[in-house]
Amino acid sequence: MELTPDVLMMAAAWFVVFLFSTTIHEAAHATAALKLGDATAYGGGQVTLNPLPHIRREPIGMVVVPLLSFFLGGWMFGWASAPYDPSWAHRHPKRSALMALAGPASNLLLVLIAGTIIRVGVARGAFSPPATISYSRLIDASGAPALEGLATVVSVLFSLNLILFAFNLLPLPPMDGSAVIQLFLPDHASRWLQSFYRQPMIGWVGILIAWQLFGSLFMPIFRTALGLLYPSFLYR
C-alpha cells in the first residue's frame, strides 16, 4: 500500500475509531464485572474510557497489530483484555457470562448509534448512499469538508463495531461468545467448561477456527446490516 496523504488520513481515522471502540468494549467488561462483584479490572484501571491503561496492558494488540493489519489489508484488527478473578468466575459462572457479553453488547450499541447517524444524515440530505460500498465508505457527504470527515468516521464506526460484535460473539474460546452457553447450563457444568476453556491450546484452536470461518460468516451479516441502513438499495 502506497503511503499517500489520503491513505495516512484513512489510517488515522481507523486507528482513532479502533482505540475508541476497543476501549469501550473493555471498559464494558470491567464495569460489568465490578457491578457483578469482581473488582479485579477496576483495581487494574480498566474501568475507564481513557485508552492508555488498555494500551499499557495490550500494546501489541492495541497498537502494533491494528496498524499492521490496516497497511497490509486495508482494515484494522487487534485485541485488548480486561483482567478478572478466575475464582470469582468459578463461583458465579452466570455472572461471568454476563460480564463476557457486556463487551459485544457495547459494540452493538455503537453500531446502532452510527446507524442512527447515517439514517438521520441521509434523511436530512447531509449524506447519501454511495455508488459502491466499502467498510470505510458507507455514505457520501454533501461536499462540505467537515461532513466528508464525519462520513468517514461514522462509516468506520459502523463497520468496525459490527466486525467486533460479530467476531466476539462467535461461540469459540477465547471469544466472548463462548460464555453464552454458561447462561443455560447448571453451575457445575459451567465450571467444567471454564476449566476446559482455560487450557492454552483450546484458545489457539478457537482463534484459528474463528479466523478461517469469519469471512464467510460476516458477509451475510454485513449485507443484512446494509439492507437495514438502505432498504431501497441493493448492495452486493
Protein backbone atom coordinates (compact mmCIF):
# COMPACT_ATOMS: atom_id res chain seq x y z
CA MET A 1 0.00 0.00 0.00
CA GLU A 2 1.41 3.36 -1.05
CA LEU A 3 1.60 5.80 1.87
CA THR A 4 -0.21 8.73 0.27
CA PRO A 5 -1.74 11.52 2.40
CA ASP A 6 -5.22 10.06 1.79
CA VAL A 7 -4.10 6.63 2.98
CA LEU A 8 -2.49 8.10 6.09
CA MET A 9 -5.64 10.09 6.87
CA MET A 10 -7.74 6.95 6.48
CA ALA A 11 -5.33 5.02 8.71
CA ALA A 12 -5.66 7.75 11.35
CA ALA A 13 -9.47 7.60 11.17
CA TRP A 14 -9.47 3.81 11.54
CA PHE A 15 -6.98 3.91 14.40
CA VAL A 16 -8.90 6.54 16.38
CA VAL A 17 -12.15 4.61 15.93
CA PHE A 18 -10.39 1.33 16.81
CA LEU A 19 -8.96 2.77 20.04
CA PHE A 20 -12.32 4.27 20.98
CA SER A 21 -14.31 1.12 20.20
CA THR A 22 -11.88 -1.28 21.87
CA THR A 23 -11.66 0.92 24.95
CA ILE A 24 -15.46 0.98 25.20
CA HIS A 25 -15.52 -2.81 24.80
CA GLU A 26 -13.00 -3.46 27.58
CA ALA A 27 -14.45 -0.79 29.87
CA ALA A 28 -17.84 -2.50 29.47
CA HIS A 29 -16.30 -5.82 30.57
CA ALA A 30 -14.62 -4.14 33.54
CA THR A 31 -17.69 -2.17 34.60
CA ALA A 32 -19.96 -5.22 34.35
CA ALA A 33 -17.51 -7.27 36.43
CA LEU A 34 -17.40 -4.54 39.09
CA LYS A 35 -21.18 -4.35 39.25
CA LEU A 36 -21.39 -8.15 39.48
CA GLY A 37 -18.87 -8.47 42.29
CA ASP A 38 -15.36 -8.70 40.78
CA ALA A 39 -13.21 -5.59 41.27
CA THR A 40 -10.08 -7.01 39.61
CA ALA A 41 -10.35 -4.90 36.44
CA TYR A 42 -11.32 -1.86 38.49
CA GLY A 43 -8.15 -2.29 40.51
CA GLY A 44 -6.18 -2.55 37.26
CA GLY A 45 -7.56 0.75 35.99
CA GLN A 46 -9.73 -0.75 33.23
CA VAL A 47 -12.99 0.89 34.33
CA THR A 48 -12.17 3.93 32.24
CA LEU A 49 -12.71 5.45 28.80
CA ASN A 50 -9.07 6.53 28.77
CA PRO A 51 -7.35 4.21 26.24
CA LEU A 52 -3.92 4.46 27.89
CA PRO A 53 -4.47 1.82 30.62
CA HIS A 54 -5.80 -0.57 27.97
CA ILE A 55 -2.84 0.16 25.67
CA ARG A 56 -0.38 -0.43 28.51
CA ARG A 57 -1.97 -3.82 29.17
CA GLU A 58 -2.00 -4.92 25.50
CA PRO A 59 0.34 -2.70 23.43
CA ILE A 60 0.74 -5.29 20.65
CA GLY A 61 -2.99 -5.87 20.24
CA MET A 62 -3.97 -2.23 20.67
CA VAL A 63 -1.29 -0.52 18.55
CA VAL A 64 1.07 -2.74 16.56
CA VAL A 65 -1.33 -5.31 15.07
CA PRO A 66 -4.09 -2.79 14.21
CA LEU A 67 -1.69 -0.58 12.27
CA LEU A 68 -0.04 -3.53 10.52
CA SER A 69 -3.39 -5.04 9.59
CA PHE A 70 -4.55 -1.76 8.08
CA PHE A 71 -1.47 -1.19 5.94
CA LEU A 72 -1.43 -4.85 4.85
CA GLY A 73 -5.16 -5.37 4.34
CA GLY A 74 -6.96 -2.03 4.37
CA TRP A 75 -8.88 -2.57 7.62
CA MET A 76 -7.97 -2.98 11.28
CA PHE A 77 -7.87 -5.97 13.53
CA GLY A 78 -6.49 -6.21 17.05
CA TRP A 79 -7.33 -7.08 20.62
CA ALA A 80 -7.33 -5.93 24.23
CA SER A 81 -8.19 -7.55 27.54
CA ALA A 82 -9.54 -6.80 30.98
CA PRO A 83 -8.34 -8.85 33.96
CA TYR A 84 -10.79 -10.82 36.06
CA ASP A 85 -10.66 -13.15 39.06
CA PRO A 86 -10.97 -16.80 37.92
CA SER A 87 -12.13 -17.82 41.39
CA TRP A 88 -14.99 -15.30 41.15
CA ALA A 89 -15.91 -16.67 37.73
CA HIS A 90 -15.79 -20.21 39.16
CA ARG A 91 -18.14 -19.27 42.00
CA HIS A 92 -20.50 -17.27 39.76
CA PRO A 93 -20.47 -18.73 36.22
CA LYS A 94 -23.61 -16.91 35.11
CA ARG A 95 -22.27 -13.59 36.34
CA SER A 96 -19.03 -14.21 34.48
CA ALA A 97 -21.04 -14.96 31.32
CA LEU A 98 -22.86 -11.63 31.65
CA MET A 99 -19.51 -9.90 32.14
CA ALA A 100 -18.21 -11.53 28.95
CA LEU A 101 -21.26 -10.46 26.94
CA ALA A 102 -21.02 -6.83 28.08
CA GLY A 103 -18.19 -6.22 25.59
CA PRO A 104 -20.04 -7.29 22.42
CA ALA A 105 -23.16 -5.51 23.71
CA SER A 106 -21.18 -2.25 23.80
CA ASN A 107 -20.09 -2.78 20.19
CA LEU A 108 -23.69 -3.38 19.14
CA LEU A 109 -24.67 -0.13 20.85
CA LEU A 110 -22.02 1.73 18.85
CA VAL A 111 -23.31 0.11 15.64
CA LEU A 112 -26.81 1.36 16.45
CA ILE A 113 -25.53 4.85 17.22
CA ALA A 114 -23.56 5.00 13.96
CA GLY A 115 -26.53 3.60 12.02
CA THR A 116 -28.82 6.23 13.52
CA ILE A 117 -26.41 8.99 12.50
CA ILE A 118 -26.32 7.58 8.96
CA ARG A 119 -30.11 7.31 8.68
CA VAL A 120 -30.70 10.79 10.08
CA GLY A 121 -27.96 12.26 7.88
CA VAL A 122 -29.46 10.67 4.76
CA ALA A 123 -32.96 11.84 5.70
CA ARG A 124 -31.72 15.43 6.13
CA GLY A 125 -29.68 15.43 2.93
CA ALA A 126 -26.28 15.69 4.60
CA PHE A 127 -25.37 12.17 3.46
CA SER A 128 -26.39 9.93 0.58
CA PRO A 129 -25.93 6.24 -0.29
CA PRO A 130 -22.69 5.76 -2.25
CA ALA A 131 -22.47 4.14 -5.65
CA THR A 132 -20.16 1.47 -4.23
CA ILE A 133 -19.84 0.31 -0.62
CA SER A 134 -16.74 -0.41 1.43
CA TYR A 135 -16.09 -0.65 5.14
CA SER A 136 -14.63 2.86 5.02
CA ARG A 137 -17.35 4.31 2.81
CA LEU A 138 -20.93 3.58 3.76
CA ILE A 139 -22.11 7.11 2.96
CA ASP A 140 -21.23 10.01 0.70
CA ALA A 141 -21.17 13.53 2.15
CA SER A 142 -22.79 16.60 0.63
CA GLY A 143 -19.36 18.09 -0.13
CA ALA A 144 -18.54 20.12 2.97
CA PRO A 145 -15.07 19.10 4.25
CA ALA A 146 -16.34 18.61 7.81
CA LEU A 147 -19.13 16.34 6.59
CA GLU A 148 -16.71 14.33 4.48
CA GLY A 149 -14.58 13.65 7.56
CA LEU A 150 -17.66 12.78 9.58
CA ALA A 151 -18.85 10.43 6.84
CA THR A 152 -15.57 8.51 7.03
CA VAL A 153 -15.56 8.30 10.82
CA VAL A 154 -19.20 7.21 11.03
CA SER A 155 -18.68 4.62 8.27
CA VAL A 156 -15.69 3.13 10.08
CA LEU A 157 -17.51 3.29 13.44
CA PHE A 158 -20.38 1.26 11.99
CA SER A 159 -18.25 -1.27 10.09
CA LEU A 160 -15.59 -1.86 12.74
CA ASN A 161 -18.05 -2.30 15.58
CA LEU A 162 -20.17 -4.67 13.51
CA ILE A 163 -16.98 -6.70 12.93
CA LEU A 164 -16.08 -6.61 16.64
CA PHE A 165 -19.62 -7.53 17.67
CA ALA A 166 -19.88 -10.47 15.27
CA PHE A 167 -16.34 -11.79 15.85
CA ASN A 168 -16.56 -11.64 19.63
CA LEU A 169 -19.91 -13.42 19.64
CA LEU A 170 -18.52 -16.50 17.90
CA PRO A 171 -19.11 -19.40 20.33
CA LEU A 172 -15.45 -20.36 20.38
CA PRO A 173 -12.90 -19.76 23.14
CA PRO A 174 -11.38 -17.30 23.84
CA MET A 175 -14.09 -15.13 22.20
CA ASP A 176 -16.75 -13.68 24.48
CA GLY A 177 -19.47 -15.69 22.76
CA SER A 178 -18.05 -18.90 24.22
CA ALA A 179 -19.53 -17.82 27.57
CA VAL A 180 -23.12 -17.65 26.28
CA ILE A 181 -23.74 -21.33 26.92
CA GLN A 182 -22.98 -20.81 30.62
CA LEU A 183 -26.25 -18.91 30.93
CA PHE A 184 -28.13 -22.12 30.14
CA LEU A 185 -26.01 -24.76 31.88
CA PRO A 186 -26.10 -25.90 35.51
CA ASP A 187 -23.32 -24.27 37.52
CA HIS A 188 -21.28 -27.47 37.84
CA ALA A 189 -21.26 -27.91 34.05
CA SER A 190 -20.29 -24.26 33.57
CA ARG A 191 -17.36 -24.68 35.95
CA TRP A 192 -16.12 -27.70 33.99
CA LEU A 193 -16.45 -25.68 30.78
CA GLN A 194 -14.44 -22.81 32.26
CA SER A 195 -11.64 -25.21 33.18
CA PHE A 196 -11.70 -26.67 29.67
CA TYR A 197 -11.55 -23.22 28.05
CA ARG A 198 -8.57 -22.17 30.17
CA GLN A 199 -6.30 -24.74 28.52
CA PRO A 200 -3.95 -22.67 26.29
CA MET A 201 -4.22 -24.99 23.29
CA ILE A 202 -8.03 -24.71 23.27
CA GLY A 203 -7.78 -20.93 22.90
CA TRP A 204 -5.36 -21.17 19.98
CA VAL A 205 -7.55 -23.72 18.22
CA GLY A 206 -10.57 -21.47 18.74
CA ILE A 207 -8.75 -18.48 17.25
CA LEU A 208 -7.63 -20.48 14.19
CA ILE A 209 -11.14 -21.79 13.54
CA ALA A 210 -12.67 -18.34 14.03
CA TRP A 211 -10.16 -16.76 11.65
CA GLN A 212 -10.96 -19.33 8.95
CA LEU A 213 -14.73 -19.08 9.32
CA PHE A 214 -15.28 -15.41 9.99
CA GLY A 215 -15.00 -14.08 6.45
CA SER A 216 -17.79 -16.27 5.11
CA LEU A 217 -19.92 -15.77 8.23
CA PHE A 218 -19.56 -12.00 8.34
CA MET A 219 -20.56 -11.08 4.79
CA PRO A 220 -24.24 -12.12 5.23
CA ILE A 221 -24.29 -10.11 8.47
CA PHE A 222 -22.79 -7.09 6.70
CA ARG A 223 -25.26 -7.34 3.81
CA THR A 224 -28.17 -7.62 6.25
CA ALA A 225 -26.94 -4.50 8.06
CA LEU A 226 -26.69 -2.64 4.74
CA GLY A 227 -30.24 -3.70 3.95
CA LEU A 228 -31.42 -2.17 7.21
CA LEU A 229 -29.48 1.03 6.52
CA TYR A 230 -30.68 1.34 2.93
CA PRO A 231 -33.92 -0.62 2.41
CA SER A 232 -34.36 0.87 -1.08
CA PHE A 233 -30.87 -0.04 -2.31
CA LEU A 234 -29.34 -3.40 -3.12
CA TYR A 235 -25.64 -3.73 -2.38
CA ARG A 236 -23.75 -6.93 -3.12
